[in-house]
Amino acid sequence: MPNSPLRLILLIALFAFLVTSVQLGLLQVAFHKLGLEPRSAYLLLSTSLFGSLLNLPLFSVRAEAPPEEEMPRQLRELFGLPRQAFTGRTIVAVNVGGCVVPVAFCIYLLAHTALDPASVIVAIGVVAAVSWLTSFPQRGVGIAMPFLVAPATAAAAAMVLDFEHAAALAYIGGTLGVLIGADLLRLNQVGKLGAPVASIGGAGTFDGIVLTGLLAVLLA
C-alpha cells in the first residue's frame, strides 16, 4: 500500500494499541524474554511502524502491465491512493520498518545472546523454506503469505534447537526467515507483479516480518 493519510491513521492506531498492550502486560512477556525494558520496546515498535512509511530504492526491473483498476476512482481519492502511471518498470526498494529495523535488532540479539551459529542457520533455513512455500505473488501489491505460519514455525524450530534461548532464536529465525523466503527468494517474480514499487519487508510481508518475531517469542 502506498503512503496515504489512511495508512498513517492505521499505523497510529496500531501503535496506540501496542503501547496499551505493553502497559497492560499483554506483550510484556515477549519483551522480557528478549531482554527489553518498556522504553526500549516502545522505541523498537515506533521505529518499525513509522519506518514502514519509508522505502529506500535499490534498483528497477522491467515489469508487466499492472492489473485493471479494481477500486473506484472516487474511493481511491478519498483514501489518498491515486493511481500511479505505469512506466514499464518496477522499483525494488527496502522498507525501513519492515526490513532495516528488524534486521538491526536481530544483529543486536546475535551479539548479546549465546546462540549456537548452527542452530541460528537451521532456524532461519526452516522458516525461509516454509515462507517460500506458503507465500505467493499478489498482482498490484507484492508478496503475501498466511499470517500465523511463520511465527508458529519459528517458535517450534527454536524450542527444538535451543530451548534455553528459544525467545531470541525464534525472533531471529522468524524475522530473517520471512525476509529470505518470502522476499529475497521471490525477487525474480517482481516484474510480474504489475506494481510500481516492490518493497523488501513492505506491503504484504510487512506485518508478517514486524509481528512474526513478537508472536514467535510469545509462542516459544
C-alpha atoms as a PDB file:
ATOM      1  CA  MET A   1       0.000   0.000   0.000  1.00  0.00           C
ATOM      2  CA  PRO A   2       1.492   3.380  -0.929  1.00  0.00           C
ATOM      3  CA  ASN A   3       1.771   6.039   1.735  1.00  0.00           C
ATOM      4  CA  SER A   4      -1.568   7.722   2.379  1.00  0.00           C
ATOM      5  CA  PRO A   5      -3.483   9.511   5.156  1.00  0.00           C
ATOM      6  CA  LEU A   6      -5.439   6.310   5.749  1.00  0.00           C
ATOM      7  CA  ARG A   7      -2.294   4.267   6.263  1.00  0.00           C
ATOM      8  CA  LEU A   8      -0.855   6.864   8.637  1.00  0.00           C
ATOM      9  CA  ILE A   9      -4.055   6.786  10.708  1.00  0.00           C
ATOM     10  CA  LEU A  10      -3.965   2.987  10.802  1.00  0.00           C
ATOM     11  CA  LEU A  11      -0.323   2.981  11.888  1.00  0.00           C
ATOM     12  CA  ILE A  12      -1.020   5.471  14.684  1.00  0.00           C
ATOM     13  CA  ALA A  13      -3.971   3.365  15.841  1.00  0.00           C
ATOM     14  CA  LEU A  14      -1.842   0.200  15.756  1.00  0.00           C
ATOM     15  CA  PHE A  15       0.958   1.905  17.661  1.00  0.00           C
ATOM     16  CA  ALA A  16      -1.507   3.098  20.311  1.00  0.00           C
ATOM     17  CA  PHE A  17      -2.857  -0.449  20.605  1.00  0.00           C
ATOM     18  CA  LEU A  18       0.615  -1.929  21.008  1.00  0.00           C
ATOM     19  CA  VAL A  19       1.628   0.670  23.595  1.00  0.00           C
ATOM     20  CA  THR A  20      -1.553  -0.098  25.541  1.00  0.00           C
ATOM     21  CA  SER A  21      -0.813  -3.805  25.235  1.00  0.00           C
ATOM     22  CA  VAL A  22       2.635  -3.281  26.705  1.00  0.00           C
ATOM     23  CA  GLN A  23       1.192  -1.267  29.576  1.00  0.00           C
ATOM     24  CA  LEU A  24      -1.370  -3.980  30.287  1.00  0.00           C
ATOM     25  CA  GLY A  25       1.294  -6.669  30.178  1.00  0.00           C
ATOM     26  CA  LEU A  26      -0.020  -8.420  27.040  1.00  0.00           C
ATOM     27  CA  LEU A  27       3.347  -8.089  25.278  1.00  0.00           C
ATOM     28  CA  GLN A  28       5.465  -7.567  28.367  1.00  0.00           C
ATOM     29  CA  VAL A  29       6.307 -11.280  28.470  1.00  0.00           C
ATOM     30  CA  ALA A  30       7.721 -11.157  24.944  1.00  0.00           C
ATOM     31  CA  PHE A  31       9.842  -8.091  25.619  1.00  0.00           C
ATOM     32  CA  HIS A  32      11.049  -9.539  28.907  1.00  0.00           C
ATOM     33  CA  LYS A  33      12.179 -12.706  27.131  1.00  0.00           C
ATOM     34  CA  LEU A  34      14.122 -10.548  24.677  1.00  0.00           C
ATOM     35  CA  GLY A  35      15.698  -8.534  27.475  1.00  0.00           C
ATOM     36  CA  LEU A  36      13.958  -5.274  26.577  1.00  0.00           C
ATOM     37  CA  GLU A  37      12.721  -2.674  29.024  1.00  0.00           C
ATOM     38  CA  PRO A  38       9.443  -0.843  28.212  1.00  0.00           C
ATOM     39  CA  ARG A  39      11.294   2.229  26.902  1.00  0.00           C
ATOM     40  CA  SER A  40      13.359   0.110  24.523  1.00  0.00           C
ATOM     41  CA  ALA A  41      10.240  -1.785  23.475  1.00  0.00           C
ATOM     42  CA  TYR A  42       8.462   1.463  22.590  1.00  0.00           C
ATOM     43  CA  LEU A  43      11.455   2.541  20.535  1.00  0.00           C
ATOM     44  CA  LEU A  44      11.509  -0.740  18.628  1.00  0.00           C
ATOM     45  CA  LEU A  45       7.756  -0.627  17.948  1.00  0.00           C
ATOM     46  CA  SER A  46       7.650   3.025  16.937  1.00  0.00           C
ATOM     47  CA  THR A  47      10.632   2.825  14.584  1.00  0.00           C
ATOM     48  CA  SER A  48       9.231  -0.345  13.000  1.00  0.00           C
ATOM     49  CA  LEU A  49       5.714   1.023  12.491  1.00  0.00           C
ATOM     50  CA  PHE A  50       6.531   4.520  11.309  1.00  0.00           C
ATOM     51  CA  GLY A  51       9.614   3.319   9.473  1.00  0.00           C
ATOM     52  CA  SER A  52       7.240   1.298   7.285  1.00  0.00           C
ATOM     53  CA  LEU A  53       6.381   4.609   5.585  1.00  0.00           C
ATOM     54  CA  LEU A  54       9.936   4.845   4.244  1.00  0.00           C
ATOM     55  CA  ASN A  55      11.191   2.865   1.242  1.00  0.00           C
ATOM     56  CA  LEU A  56      14.813   3.148   0.135  1.00  0.00           C
ATOM     57  CA  PRO A  57      15.070   2.497  -3.635  1.00  0.00           C
ATOM     58  CA  LEU A  58      17.711  -0.020  -4.719  1.00  0.00           C
ATOM     59  CA  PHE A  59      17.185  -0.721  -8.440  1.00  0.00           C
ATOM     60  CA  SER A  60      14.443  -1.217 -11.007  1.00  0.00           C
ATOM     61  CA  VAL A  61      13.407  -4.136 -13.213  1.00  0.00           C
ATOM     62  CA  ARG A  62      11.315  -4.461 -16.349  1.00  0.00           C
ATOM     63  CA  ALA A  63       7.691  -5.087 -15.362  1.00  0.00           C
ATOM     64  CA  GLU A  64       4.481  -6.391 -16.883  1.00  0.00           C
ATOM     65  CA  ALA A  65       1.453  -4.121 -17.168  1.00  0.00           C
ATOM     66  CA  PRO A  66      -0.459  -3.676 -13.884  1.00  0.00           C
ATOM     67  CA  PRO A  67      -3.895  -5.269 -13.388  1.00  0.00           C
ATOM     68  CA  GLU A  68      -7.062  -3.438 -14.346  1.00  0.00           C
ATOM     69  CA  GLU A  69      -8.362  -0.843 -11.925  1.00  0.00           C
ATOM     70  CA  GLU A  70     -10.287  -2.661  -9.182  1.00  0.00           C
ATOM     71  CA  MET A  71     -11.041   0.239  -6.821  1.00  0.00           C
ATOM     72  CA  PRO A  72     -13.383   3.045  -7.950  1.00  0.00           C
ATOM     73  CA  ARG A  73     -11.527   6.298  -8.639  1.00  0.00           C
ATOM     74  CA  GLN A  74     -13.583   8.256  -6.076  1.00  0.00           C
ATOM     75  CA  LEU A  75     -12.746   5.712  -3.371  1.00  0.00           C
ATOM     76  CA  ARG A  76      -9.045   5.799  -4.192  1.00  0.00           C
ATOM     77  CA  GLU A  77      -9.031   9.591  -3.990  1.00  0.00           C
ATOM     78  CA  LEU A  78     -10.885   9.517  -0.658  1.00  0.00           C
ATOM     79  CA  PHE A  79      -8.215   7.242   0.833  1.00  0.00           C
ATOM     80  CA  GLY A  80      -5.396   9.210  -0.779  1.00  0.00           C
ATOM     81  CA  LEU A  81      -4.410   6.381  -3.111  1.00  0.00           C
ATOM     82  CA  PRO A  82      -4.081   7.918  -6.580  1.00  0.00           C
ATOM     83  CA  ARG A  83      -3.444   5.520  -9.453  1.00  0.00           C
ATOM     84  CA  GLN A  84       0.227   5.685 -10.391  1.00  0.00           C
ATOM     85  CA  ALA A  85       1.136   5.761 -14.054  1.00  0.00           C
ATOM     86  CA  PHE A  86       2.698   2.560 -15.392  1.00  0.00           C
ATOM     87  CA  THR A  87       6.242   3.199 -16.655  1.00  0.00           C
ATOM     88  CA  GLY A  88       7.127  -0.338 -17.700  1.00  0.00           C
ATOM     89  CA  ARG A  89       9.456  -0.845 -14.730  1.00  0.00           C
ATOM     90  CA  THR A  90       9.109  -1.778 -11.054  1.00  0.00           C
ATOM     91  CA  ILE A  91      11.324  -0.112  -8.470  1.00  0.00           C
ATOM     92  CA  VAL A  92      12.766  -2.585  -5.966  1.00  0.00           C
ATOM     93  CA  ALA A  93      13.229  -0.910  -2.582  1.00  0.00           C
ATOM     94  CA  VAL A  94      13.981  -1.870   1.010  1.00  0.00           C
ATOM     95  CA  ASN A  95      11.454  -0.913   3.677  1.00  0.00           C
ATOM     96  CA  VAL A  96      12.942   0.730   6.772  1.00  0.00           C
ATOM     97  CA  GLY A  97      10.362  -0.507   9.268  1.00  0.00           C
ATOM     98  CA  GLY A  98       9.850  -3.957   7.782  1.00  0.00           C
ATOM     99  CA  CYS A  99      13.466  -4.781   6.970  1.00  0.00           C
ATOM    100  CA  VAL A 100      16.168  -2.410   8.235  1.00  0.00           C
ATOM    101  CA  VAL A 101      14.902  -2.117  11.833  1.00  0.00           C
ATOM    102  CA  PRO A 102      14.126  -5.842  12.391  1.00  0.00           C
ATOM    103  CA  VAL A 103      17.445  -6.903  10.853  1.00  0.00           C
ATOM    104  CA  ALA A 104      19.303  -4.428  13.067  1.00  0.00           C
ATOM    105  CA  PHE A 105      17.561  -5.869  16.139  1.00  0.00           C
ATOM    106  CA  CYS A 106      18.450  -9.400  15.009  1.00  0.00           C
ATOM    107  CA  ILE A 107      22.113  -8.333  14.861  1.00  0.00           C
ATOM    108  CA  TYR A 108      21.763  -6.931  18.382  1.00  0.00           C
ATOM    109  CA  LEU A 109      20.327 -10.241  19.640  1.00  0.00           C
ATOM    110  CA  LEU A 110      23.086 -12.222  17.938  1.00  0.00           C
ATOM    111  CA  ALA A 111      25.698 -10.037  19.611  1.00  0.00           C
ATOM    112  CA  HIS A 112      24.140 -10.246  23.091  1.00  0.00           C
ATOM    113  CA  THR A 113      22.834 -13.830  23.202  1.00  0.00           C
ATOM    114  CA  ALA A 114      24.901 -17.027  23.449  1.00  0.00           C
ATOM    115  CA  LEU A 115      23.370 -18.714  20.408  1.00  0.00           C
ATOM    116  CA  ASP A 116      24.865 -21.636  18.545  1.00  0.00           C
ATOM    117  CA  PRO A 117      25.568 -20.471  14.961  1.00  0.00           C
ATOM    118  CA  ALA A 118      24.411 -23.828  13.584  1.00  0.00           C
ATOM    119  CA  SER A 119      21.054 -23.511  15.387  1.00  0.00           C
ATOM    120  CA  VAL A 120      20.599 -19.983  14.022  1.00  0.00           C
ATOM    121  CA  ILE A 121      21.278 -21.126  10.464  1.00  0.00           C
ATOM    122  CA  VAL A 122      18.908 -24.079  10.764  1.00  0.00           C
ATOM    123  CA  ALA A 123      16.115 -21.970  12.305  1.00  0.00           C
ATOM    124  CA  ILE A 124      16.414 -19.322   9.588  1.00  0.00           C
ATOM    125  CA  GLY A 125      16.549 -22.001   6.900  1.00  0.00           C
ATOM    126  CA  VAL A 126      13.429 -23.800   8.150  1.00  0.00           C
ATOM    127  CA  VAL A 127      11.371 -20.597   8.354  1.00  0.00           C
ATOM    128  CA  ALA A 128      12.695 -19.430   4.978  1.00  0.00           C
ATOM    129  CA  ALA A 129      11.663 -22.718   3.342  1.00  0.00           C
ATOM    130  CA  VAL A 130       8.173 -22.595   4.857  1.00  0.00           C
ATOM    131  CA  SER A 131       7.801 -18.913   3.931  1.00  0.00           C
ATOM    132  CA  TRP A 132       8.806 -19.614   0.352  1.00  0.00           C
ATOM    133  CA  LEU A 133       6.333 -22.487   0.083  1.00  0.00           C
ATOM    134  CA  THR A 134       3.393 -20.579   1.608  1.00  0.00           C
ATOM    135  CA  SER A 135       3.965 -17.096   0.140  1.00  0.00           C
ATOM    136  CA  PHE A 136       2.534 -16.032  -3.198  1.00  0.00           C
ATOM    137  CA  PRO A 137       2.697 -13.023  -5.536  1.00  0.00           C
ATOM    138  CA  GLN A 138      -0.306 -10.695  -5.400  1.00  0.00           C
ATOM    139  CA  ARG A 139      -0.546  -8.560  -8.523  1.00  0.00           C
ATOM    140  CA  GLY A 140      -0.586  -4.852  -7.899  1.00  0.00           C
ATOM    141  CA  VAL A 141       0.534  -5.270  -4.278  1.00  0.00           C
ATOM    142  CA  GLY A 142       3.537  -7.523  -3.700  1.00  0.00           C
ATOM    143  CA  ILE A 143       4.298 -10.829  -1.996  1.00  0.00           C
ATOM    144  CA  ALA A 144       1.722 -12.040   0.532  1.00  0.00           C
ATOM    145  CA  MET A 145       1.659 -15.022   2.884  1.00  0.00           C
ATOM    146  CA  PRO A 146      -0.526 -16.544   5.642  1.00  0.00           C
ATOM    147  CA  PHE A 147      -0.004 -14.616   8.863  1.00  0.00           C
ATOM    148  CA  LEU A 148       0.461 -17.317  11.530  1.00  0.00           C
ATOM    149  CA  VAL A 149       2.547 -19.835   9.582  1.00  0.00           C
ATOM    150  CA  ALA A 150       5.929 -18.158  10.077  1.00  0.00           C
ATOM    151  CA  PRO A 151       5.568 -17.395  13.834  1.00  0.00           C
ATOM    152  CA  ALA A 152       4.460 -20.961  14.607  1.00  0.00           C
ATOM    153  CA  THR A 153       7.296 -22.412  12.537  1.00  0.00           C
ATOM    154  CA  ALA A 154       9.897 -20.121  14.118  1.00  0.00           C
ATOM    155  CA  ALA A 155       8.700 -20.898  17.656  1.00  0.00           C
ATOM    156  CA  ALA A 156       8.657 -24.655  17.074  1.00  0.00           C
ATOM    157  CA  ALA A 157      12.117 -24.639  15.481  1.00  0.00           C
ATOM    158  CA  ALA A 158      13.559 -22.501  18.284  1.00  0.00           C
ATOM    159  CA  MET A 159      12.232 -24.726  21.054  1.00  0.00           C
ATOM    160  CA  VAL A 160      13.586 -27.861  19.375  1.00  0.00           C
ATOM    161  CA  LEU A 161      17.003 -26.384  18.548  1.00  0.00           C
ATOM    162  CA  ASP A 162      17.756 -24.327  21.674  1.00  0.00           C
ATOM    163  CA  PHE A 163      15.112 -24.329  24.396  1.00  0.00           C
ATOM    164  CA  GLU A 164      17.214 -22.187  26.755  1.00  0.00           C
ATOM    165  CA  HIS A 165      17.472 -19.332  24.237  1.00  0.00           C
ATOM    166  CA  ALA A 166      14.237 -20.068  22.383  1.00  0.00           C
ATOM    167  CA  ALA A 167      12.937 -16.479  22.535  1.00  0.00           C
ATOM    168  CA  ALA A 168      15.891 -14.835  20.802  1.00  0.00           C
ATOM    169  CA  LEU A 169      16.236 -17.702  18.319  1.00  0.00           C
ATOM    170  CA  ALA A 170      12.519 -17.526  17.483  1.00  0.00           C
ATOM    171  CA  TYR A 171      12.709 -13.801  16.775  1.00  0.00           C
ATOM    172  CA  ILE A 172      15.814 -14.125  14.617  1.00  0.00           C
ATOM    173  CA  GLY A 173      14.543 -17.185  12.761  1.00  0.00           C
ATOM    174  CA  GLY A 174      11.105 -15.707  12.195  1.00  0.00           C
ATOM    175  CA  THR A 175      12.329 -12.303  11.051  1.00  0.00           C
ATOM    176  CA  LEU A 176      15.204 -13.311   8.786  1.00  0.00           C
ATOM    177  CA  GLY A 177      13.405 -16.429   7.574  1.00  0.00           C
ATOM    178  CA  VAL A 178      10.441 -14.437   6.270  1.00  0.00           C
ATOM    179  CA  LEU A 179      12.697 -11.833   4.674  1.00  0.00           C
ATOM    180  CA  ILE A 180      14.686 -14.503   2.860  1.00  0.00           C
ATOM    181  CA  GLY A 181      11.887 -16.912   1.961  1.00  0.00           C
ATOM    182  CA  ALA A 182       9.048 -14.528   1.133  1.00  0.00           C
ATOM    183  CA  ASP A 183      11.021 -11.568  -0.235  1.00  0.00           C
ATOM    184  CA  LEU A 184      14.566 -12.263  -1.394  1.00  0.00           C
ATOM    185  CA  LEU A 185      13.877 -15.673  -2.936  1.00  0.00           C
ATOM    186  CA  ARG A 186      10.964 -14.199  -4.892  1.00  0.00           C
ATOM    187  CA  LEU A 187      12.777 -11.202  -6.349  1.00  0.00           C
ATOM    188  CA  ASN A 188      12.694 -12.963  -9.722  1.00  0.00           C
ATOM    189  CA  GLN A 189       8.878 -12.562  -9.686  1.00  0.00           C
ATOM    190  CA  VAL A 190       8.892  -8.822  -9.022  1.00  0.00           C
ATOM    191  CA  GLY A 191       8.472  -7.950 -12.690  1.00  0.00           C
ATOM    192  CA  LYS A 192       5.230  -9.970 -12.846  1.00  0.00           C
ATOM    193  CA  LEU A 193       3.510  -8.111 -10.010  1.00  0.00           C
ATOM    194  CA  GLY A 194       2.445  -5.108 -12.060  1.00  0.00           C
ATOM    195  CA  ALA A 195       3.301  -2.835  -9.121  1.00  0.00           C
ATOM    196  CA  PRO A 196       5.208   0.467  -9.422  1.00  0.00           C
ATOM    197  CA  VAL A 197       7.214  -0.380  -6.277  1.00  0.00           C
ATOM    198  CA  ALA A 198       8.161  -3.744  -4.747  1.00  0.00           C
ATOM    199  CA  SER A 199       9.477  -3.226  -1.236  1.00  0.00           C
ATOM    200  CA  ILE A 200      11.580  -5.806   0.613  1.00  0.00           C
ATOM    201  CA  GLY A 201       9.928  -6.039   4.010  1.00  0.00           C
ATOM    202  CA  GLY A 202       6.976  -3.944   2.910  1.00  0.00           C
ATOM    203  CA  ALA A 203       3.440  -4.407   1.539  1.00  0.00           C
ATOM    204  CA  GLY A 204       2.178  -7.945   2.049  1.00  0.00           C
ATOM    205  CA  THR A 205       5.068  -9.115   4.230  1.00  0.00           C
ATOM    206  CA  PHE A 206       5.473  -6.040   6.446  1.00  0.00           C
ATOM    207  CA  ASP A 207       3.053  -7.150   9.155  1.00  0.00           C
ATOM    208  CA  GLY A 208       4.425 -10.679   8.870  1.00  0.00           C
ATOM    209  CA  ILE A 209       8.009  -9.558   9.483  1.00  0.00           C
ATOM    210  CA  VAL A 210       7.361  -6.980  12.213  1.00  0.00           C
ATOM    211  CA  LEU A 211       4.901  -9.048  14.232  1.00  0.00           C
ATOM    212  CA  THR A 212       6.241 -12.512  13.369  1.00  0.00           C
ATOM    213  CA  GLY A 213       9.166 -12.020  15.728  1.00  0.00           C
ATOM    214  CA  LEU A 214       6.972 -10.976  18.665  1.00  0.00           C
ATOM    215  CA  LEU A 215       4.411 -13.736  18.097  1.00  0.00           C
ATOM    216  CA  ALA A 216       7.182 -16.301  17.727  1.00  0.00           C
ATOM    217  CA  VAL A 217       8.659 -15.172  21.051  1.00  0.00           C
ATOM    218  CA  LEU A 218       5.268 -15.474  22.756  1.00  0.00           C
ATOM    219  CA  LEU A 219       4.749 -18.951  21.323  1.00  0.00           C
ATOM    220  CA  ALA A 220       8.225 -20.000  22.377  1.00  0.00           C
END
